[in-house]
Each structure stands twice: as structure tokens, then as C-alpha cells.
Amino acid sequence: MDRIDVEGIRLYGFHGCLDEEGKIGTEYHAEVSVWADLSEPAQTDKLSQTVDYVTINAIVEKEVSQRSKLIETVVRRILDHILGALPQVQTARVKLSKCYPPINGDVDRVSVTMERSR
């Protein structure tokens, strides 16, 4: 199985259990990997036969724009959306990082990573 990685997606979102997080928001970073058979598009050079990473980025943007209390919920929505919208994808992994979380301590980010297969 072949893999496409979309790395360094930077977004702004309003996720968290605190009311302030829903008002102020913070920066998020996403990493997405998808596994698919890429042998045919590698031969034909046709975008229509591969997994379009523009679509992956749009899915991440859409799901991060919908507020949730937990980033776990956002990651699950991204995975469900990718697997539902991109039939070539057999497995997907998403890592979503919340930058500067409001916790007691000097923490750059917290991250959730999930992987799902058909």
C-alpha cells in the first residue's frame, strides 16, 4: 500500500471545554496520512485517479471549523469524512495538535492521533 502525507496544515479553531476557548480560539496543526494503491495514477499521471490532497486539506479545514469540546471528536470527524469522501483511501491517520493549551504549565501543544481503516 502506498501513502500520501499532508503535513503542516495550520488552522485556527475554537475547541475546548472552557467557554473562553470557544470565544478566543487558538492555533491548530494537523498532519494527515492516507494509504491507497497509487500504482495506476503513477502510471497514467491523471489527478482523477489519485487521492487529491487538496480535498484532504478542505476536509480538515471544514471539520476544524465546527466547534467541539474535545479534539478527539474533531479527529474522528476528519477520519470519517476522509473515509466517506475518498473511496481510494484504505486507511487514514490524523494527528491534530492544539497549540498553547490553557493548562497549568509551559506546554507548546497537546495532540491526538487516531487511525482508521475500511
N, C-alpha and C. Protein backbone atom coordinates (compact mmCIF):
# COMPACT_ATOMS: atom_id res chain seq x y z
N MET A 1 0.85 -1.18 0.00
CA MET A 1 0.00 0.00 0.00
C MET A 1 0.90 1.24 0.00
N ASP A 2 0.47 2.25 -0.71
CA ASP A 2 1.21 3.49 -0.85
C ASP A 2 0.62 4.55 0.08
N ARG A 3 1.40 5.59 0.34
CA ARG A 3 0.96 6.59 1.33
C ARG A 3 1.15 8.00 0.78
N ILE A 4 0.17 8.84 1.07
CA ILE A 4 0.25 10.28 0.83
C ILE A 4 0.19 10.96 2.18
N ASP A 5 1.10 11.90 2.44
CA ASP A 5 1.13 12.67 3.68
C ASP A 5 0.84 14.13 3.36
N VAL A 6 -0.06 14.72 4.11
CA VAL A 6 -0.31 16.15 4.04
C VAL A 6 0.12 16.70 5.39
N GLU A 7 1.21 17.46 5.40
CA GLU A 7 1.86 17.85 6.65
C GLU A 7 1.81 19.36 6.85
N GLY A 8 1.79 19.75 8.11
CA GLY A 8 1.89 21.17 8.44
C GLY A 8 0.66 22.00 8.11
N ILE A 9 -0.52 21.39 8.18
CA ILE A 9 -1.75 22.16 7.96
C ILE A 9 -1.95 23.06 9.18
N ARG A 10 -2.00 24.36 8.96
CA ARG A 10 -2.18 25.32 10.05
C ARG A 10 -3.59 25.90 9.98
N LEU A 11 -4.26 25.88 11.14
CA LEU A 11 -5.66 26.32 11.19
C LEU A 11 -5.90 27.10 12.48
N TYR A 12 -7.05 27.71 12.55
CA TYR A 12 -7.50 28.37 13.77
C TYR A 12 -8.84 27.77 14.14
N GLY A 13 -8.99 27.38 15.41
CA GLY A 13 -10.24 26.76 15.82
C GLY A 13 -10.65 27.19 17.21
N PHE A 14 -11.83 26.78 17.61
CA PHE A 14 -12.45 27.21 18.86
C PHE A 14 -12.90 26.02 19.70
N HIS A 15 -12.03 25.04 19.85
CA HIS A 15 -12.37 23.82 20.56
C HIS A 15 -11.89 23.88 22.00
N GLY A 16 -12.65 23.26 22.88
CA GLY A 16 -12.25 23.18 24.28
C GLY A 16 -13.46 23.17 25.19
N CYS A 17 -13.23 22.74 26.41
CA CYS A 17 -14.30 22.64 27.40
C CYS A 17 -14.60 23.98 28.07
N LEU A 18 -13.66 24.90 28.02
CA LEU A 18 -13.85 26.21 28.64
C LEU A 18 -14.59 27.15 27.70
N ASP A 19 -15.49 27.95 28.25
CA ASP A 19 -16.22 28.92 27.43
C ASP A 19 -15.28 29.87 26.71
N GLU A 20 -14.19 30.26 27.38
CA GLU A 20 -13.23 31.18 26.79
C GLU A 20 -12.61 30.62 25.51
N GLU A 21 -12.40 29.30 25.49
CA GLU A 21 -11.81 28.68 24.30
C GLU A 21 -12.73 28.81 23.10
N GLY A 22 -14.03 28.79 23.35
CA GLY A 22 -15.00 28.96 22.28
C GLY A 22 -15.09 30.37 21.77
N LYS A 23 -14.63 31.33 22.57
CA LYS A 23 -14.67 32.73 22.17
C LYS A 23 -13.33 33.21 21.59
N ILE A 24 -12.25 32.80 22.21
CA ILE A 24 -10.92 33.29 21.83
C ILE A 24 -10.30 32.41 20.75
N GLY A 25 -10.40 31.10 20.91
CA GLY A 25 -9.81 30.16 19.96
C GLY A 25 -8.30 30.09 20.09
N THR A 26 -7.70 29.23 19.28
CA THR A 26 -6.25 29.09 19.26
C THR A 26 -5.83 28.44 17.95
N GLU A 27 -4.54 28.36 17.76
CA GLU A 27 -3.97 27.76 16.57
C GLU A 27 -3.95 26.23 16.71
N TYR A 28 -4.17 25.56 15.58
CA TYR A 28 -4.11 24.10 15.50
C TYR A 28 -3.21 23.72 14.34
N HIS A 29 -2.56 22.57 14.48
CA HIS A 29 -1.76 22.00 13.40
C HIS A 29 -2.27 20.58 13.14
N ALA A 30 -2.34 20.21 11.88
CA ALA A 30 -2.81 18.87 11.52
C ALA A 30 -1.82 18.19 10.59
N GLU A 31 -1.73 16.88 10.76
CA GLU A 31 -0.94 16.01 9.89
C GLU A 31 -1.88 14.88 9.47
N VAL A 32 -1.95 14.61 8.18
CA VAL A 32 -2.82 13.56 7.68
C VAL A 32 -2.02 12.62 6.79
N SER A 33 -2.18 11.33 7.03
CA SER A 33 -1.60 10.30 6.15
C SER A 33 -2.73 9.41 5.68
N VAL A 34 -2.72 9.11 4.38
CA VAL A 34 -3.69 8.18 3.82
C VAL A 34 -2.96 7.12 3.02
N TRP A 35 -3.48 5.89 3.10
CA TRP A 35 -2.91 4.77 2.37
C TRP A 35 -3.88 4.36 1.28
N ALA A 36 -3.33 4.19 0.07
CA ALA A 36 -4.14 3.79 -1.09
C ALA A 36 -3.19 3.15 -2.11
N ASP A 37 -3.76 2.46 -3.06
CA ASP A 37 -2.98 1.93 -4.17
C ASP A 37 -2.78 3.05 -5.18
N LEU A 38 -1.55 3.52 -5.29
CA LEU A 38 -1.24 4.64 -6.18
C LEU A 38 -0.54 4.20 -7.45
N SER A 39 -0.52 2.91 -7.72
CA SER A 39 0.20 2.41 -8.90
C SER A 39 -0.42 2.91 -10.21
N GLU A 40 -1.73 2.94 -10.30
CA GLU A 40 -2.36 3.40 -11.54
C GLU A 40 -2.12 4.88 -11.80
N PRO A 41 -2.40 5.78 -10.83
CA PRO A 41 -2.12 7.19 -11.11
C PRO A 41 -0.63 7.46 -11.35
N ALA A 42 0.24 6.64 -10.76
CA ALA A 42 1.67 6.82 -11.02
C ALA A 42 2.02 6.51 -12.47
N GLN A 43 1.25 5.61 -13.09
CA GLN A 43 1.46 5.26 -14.50
C GLN A 43 0.79 6.25 -15.44
N THR A 44 -0.45 6.64 -15.10
CA THR A 44 -1.25 7.45 -16.03
C THR A 44 -1.04 8.95 -15.89
N ASP A 45 -0.57 9.39 -14.71
CA ASP A 45 -0.35 10.81 -14.45
C ASP A 45 -1.66 11.60 -14.47
N LYS A 46 -2.76 10.95 -14.03
CA LYS A 46 -4.08 11.59 -14.03
C LYS A 46 -4.52 11.87 -12.59
N LEU A 47 -4.81 13.13 -12.32
CA LEU A 47 -5.28 13.54 -11.00
C LEU A 47 -6.56 12.81 -10.60
N SER A 48 -7.42 12.55 -11.54
CA SER A 48 -8.71 11.91 -11.25
C SER A 48 -8.55 10.49 -10.70
N GLN A 49 -7.37 9.89 -10.83
CA GLN A 49 -7.17 8.52 -10.37
C GLN A 49 -6.43 8.43 -9.04
N THR A 50 -6.06 9.55 -8.49
CA THR A 50 -5.31 9.52 -7.23
C THR A 50 -6.14 10.14 -6.11
N VAL A 51 -5.55 10.22 -4.95
CA VAL A 51 -6.18 10.88 -3.80
C VAL A 51 -5.72 12.34 -3.84
N ASP A 52 -6.64 13.23 -4.07
CA ASP A 52 -6.31 14.65 -4.22
C ASP A 52 -6.08 15.27 -2.84
N TYR A 53 -4.86 15.72 -2.58
CA TYR A 53 -4.57 16.28 -1.26
C TYR A 53 -5.22 17.63 -1.05
N VAL A 54 -5.68 18.27 -2.11
CA VAL A 54 -6.47 19.50 -1.94
C VAL A 54 -7.78 19.16 -1.23
N THR A 55 -8.37 18.02 -1.58
CA THR A 55 -9.59 17.57 -0.92
C THR A 55 -9.33 17.23 0.54
N ILE A 56 -8.21 16.58 0.82
CA ILE A 56 -7.87 16.26 2.21
C ILE A 56 -7.77 17.55 3.03
N ASN A 57 -7.07 18.55 2.50
CA ASN A 57 -6.93 19.82 3.22
C ASN A 57 -8.30 20.48 3.44
N ALA A 58 -9.16 20.44 2.45
CA ALA A 58 -10.50 21.04 2.58
C ALA A 58 -11.32 20.32 3.65
N ILE A 59 -11.20 19.00 3.73
CA ILE A 59 -11.92 18.24 4.75
C ILE A 59 -11.44 18.64 6.13
N VAL A 60 -10.13 18.74 6.31
CA VAL A 60 -9.58 19.14 7.61
C VAL A 60 -10.08 20.53 7.99
N GLU A 61 -10.02 21.47 7.06
CA GLU A 61 -10.49 22.84 7.33
C GLU A 61 -11.96 22.84 7.73
N LYS A 62 -12.78 22.10 7.01
CA LYS A 62 -14.22 22.06 7.31
C LYS A 62 -14.49 21.52 8.70
N GLU A 63 -13.85 20.42 9.06
CA GLU A 63 -14.13 19.78 10.35
C GLU A 63 -13.55 20.58 11.52
N VAL A 64 -12.42 21.22 11.32
CA VAL A 64 -11.84 22.04 12.40
C VAL A 64 -12.68 23.31 12.61
N SER A 65 -13.40 23.74 11.60
CA SER A 65 -14.22 24.95 11.73
C SER A 65 -15.47 24.72 12.58
N GLN A 66 -15.84 23.46 12.83
CA GLN A 66 -17.02 23.14 13.63
C GLN A 66 -16.59 22.90 15.08
N ARG A 67 -17.05 23.74 15.97
CA ARG A 67 -16.63 23.69 17.37
C ARG A 67 -17.00 22.38 18.06
N SER A 68 -16.06 21.89 18.85
CA SER A 68 -16.27 20.72 19.71
C SER A 68 -15.56 20.97 21.02
N LYS A 69 -15.98 20.27 22.05
CA LYS A 69 -15.28 20.37 23.33
C LYS A 69 -13.95 19.63 23.28
N LEU A 70 -13.91 18.49 22.60
CA LEU A 70 -12.72 17.66 22.58
C LEU A 70 -12.11 17.59 21.18
N ILE A 71 -10.77 17.66 21.11
CA ILE A 71 -10.15 17.49 19.81
C ILE A 71 -10.25 16.04 19.34
N GLU A 72 -10.49 15.13 20.25
CA GLU A 72 -10.74 13.74 19.86
C GLU A 72 -11.94 13.65 18.92
N THR A 73 -12.96 14.42 19.21
CA THR A 73 -14.17 14.45 18.39
C THR A 73 -13.87 15.01 17.01
N VAL A 74 -13.05 16.04 16.95
CA VAL A 74 -12.69 16.64 15.66
C VAL A 74 -11.89 15.65 14.81
N VAL A 75 -10.95 14.95 15.44
CA VAL A 75 -10.14 13.96 14.71
C VAL A 75 -11.03 12.85 14.16
N ARG A 76 -11.97 12.37 14.96
CA ARG A 76 -12.88 11.32 14.49
C ARG A 76 -13.70 11.81 13.30
N ARG A 77 -14.18 13.05 13.35
CA ARG A 77 -14.95 13.60 12.23
C ARG A 77 -14.10 13.68 10.97
N ILE A 78 -12.85 14.10 11.10
CA ILE A 78 -11.96 14.19 9.94
C ILE A 78 -11.78 12.80 9.33
N LEU A 79 -11.49 11.80 10.17
CA LEU A 79 -11.32 10.44 9.67
C LEU A 79 -12.57 9.93 8.97
N ASP A 80 -13.73 10.10 9.59
CA ASP A 80 -14.98 9.65 9.00
C ASP A 80 -15.22 10.32 7.65
N HIS A 81 -14.93 11.60 7.58
CA HIS A 81 -15.16 12.37 6.35
C HIS A 81 -14.21 11.90 5.24
N ILE A 82 -12.94 11.71 5.58
CA ILE A 82 -11.97 11.24 4.58
C ILE A 82 -12.38 9.87 4.04
N LEU A 83 -12.69 8.95 4.94
CA LEU A 83 -13.05 7.60 4.50
C LEU A 83 -14.37 7.58 3.73
N GLY A 84 -15.27 8.51 4.04
CA GLY A 84 -16.54 8.59 3.33
C GLY A 84 -16.43 9.27 1.97
N ALA A 85 -15.51 10.23 1.84
CA ALA A 85 -15.44 11.02 0.62
C ALA A 85 -14.41 10.52 -0.39
N LEU A 86 -13.45 9.75 0.07
CA LEU A 86 -12.35 9.33 -0.81
C LEU A 86 -12.29 7.80 -0.86
N PRO A 87 -13.00 7.19 -1.82
CA PRO A 87 -13.09 5.73 -1.85
C PRO A 87 -11.77 5.02 -2.09
N GLN A 88 -10.77 5.69 -2.65
CA GLN A 88 -9.47 5.06 -2.87
C GLN A 88 -8.72 4.82 -1.56
N VAL A 89 -9.04 5.60 -0.53
CA VAL A 89 -8.31 5.53 0.74
C VAL A 89 -8.74 4.28 1.50
N GLN A 90 -7.76 3.46 1.85
CA GLN A 90 -8.00 2.25 2.62
C GLN A 90 -7.80 2.48 4.11
N THR A 91 -6.84 3.32 4.45
CA THR A 91 -6.53 3.64 5.84
C THR A 91 -6.16 5.12 5.91
N ALA A 92 -6.55 5.75 7.01
CA ALA A 92 -6.21 7.16 7.22
C ALA A 92 -5.74 7.35 8.66
N ARG A 93 -4.76 8.21 8.82
CA ARG A 93 -4.28 8.59 10.15
C ARG A 93 -4.30 10.12 10.22
N VAL A 94 -4.82 10.64 11.34
CA VAL A 94 -4.89 12.08 11.55
C VAL A 94 -4.29 12.41 12.90
N LYS A 95 -3.42 13.40 12.90
CA LYS A 95 -2.89 13.95 14.14
C LYS A 95 -3.29 15.42 14.18
N LEU A 96 -3.99 15.81 15.25
CA LEU A 96 -4.41 17.19 15.43
C LEU A 96 -3.78 17.72 16.71
N SER A 97 -3.09 18.84 16.59
CA SER A 97 -2.41 19.44 17.74
C SER A 97 -3.03 20.79 18.07
N LYS A 98 -3.31 20.96 19.34
CA LYS A 98 -3.83 22.23 19.85
C LYS A 98 -2.65 23.00 20.43
N CYS A 99 -2.36 24.16 19.88
CA CYS A 99 -1.22 24.95 20.33
C CYS A 99 -1.59 25.80 21.54
N TYR A 100 -0.66 25.91 22.44
CA TYR A 100 -0.80 26.75 23.64
C TYR A 100 -2.07 26.42 24.43
N PRO A 101 -2.24 25.17 24.83
CA PRO A 101 -3.45 24.79 25.57
C PRO A 101 -3.52 25.48 26.93
N PRO A 102 -4.72 25.81 27.38
CA PRO A 102 -4.87 26.51 28.66
C PRO A 102 -4.77 25.53 29.85
N ILE A 103 -3.57 25.06 30.09
CA ILE A 103 -3.33 24.17 31.22
C ILE A 103 -2.25 24.78 32.10
N ASN A 104 -2.17 24.34 33.31
CA ASN A 104 -1.17 24.88 34.23
C ASN A 104 0.19 24.30 33.87
N GLY A 105 0.97 25.07 33.15
CA GLY A 105 2.29 24.64 32.76
C GLY A 105 2.69 25.27 31.45
N ASP A 106 3.97 25.15 31.13
CA ASP A 106 4.52 25.70 29.90
C ASP A 106 4.51 24.60 28.85
N VAL A 107 3.40 24.50 28.10
CA VAL A 107 3.20 23.43 27.13
C VAL A 107 2.96 24.04 25.76
N ASP A 108 3.75 23.61 24.78
CA ASP A 108 3.59 24.12 23.41
C ASP A 108 2.29 23.64 22.77
N ARG A 109 1.99 22.34 22.95
CA ARG A 109 0.80 21.79 22.30
C ARG A 109 0.43 20.45 22.92
N VAL A 110 -0.81 20.10 22.72
CA VAL A 110 -1.29 18.74 23.02
C VAL A 110 -1.83 18.18 21.71
N SER A 111 -1.67 16.87 21.53
CA SER A 111 -2.06 16.26 20.25
C SER A 111 -2.86 14.98 20.48
N VAL A 112 -3.73 14.72 19.53
CA VAL A 112 -4.46 13.46 19.48
C VAL A 112 -4.21 12.86 18.10
N THR A 113 -3.85 11.58 18.08
CA THR A 113 -3.64 10.86 16.82
C THR A 113 -4.56 9.65 16.80
N MET A 114 -5.27 9.48 15.70
CA MET A 114 -6.13 8.32 15.50
C MET A 114 -5.92 7.79 14.09
N GLU A 115 -6.13 6.48 13.95
CA GLU A 115 -6.02 5.82 12.65
C GLU A 115 -7.20 4.89 12.48
N ARG A 116 -7.78 4.92 11.26
CA ARG A 116 -8.93 4.06 10.96
C ARG A 116 -8.73 3.44 9.58
N SER A 117 -9.25 2.22 9.43
CA SER A 117 -9.23 1.52 8.14
C SER A 117 -10.64 1.14 7.76
N ARG A 118 -10.82 0.91 6.49
CA ARG A 118 -12.13 0.45 6.00
C ARG A 118 -12.41 -0.92 6.52
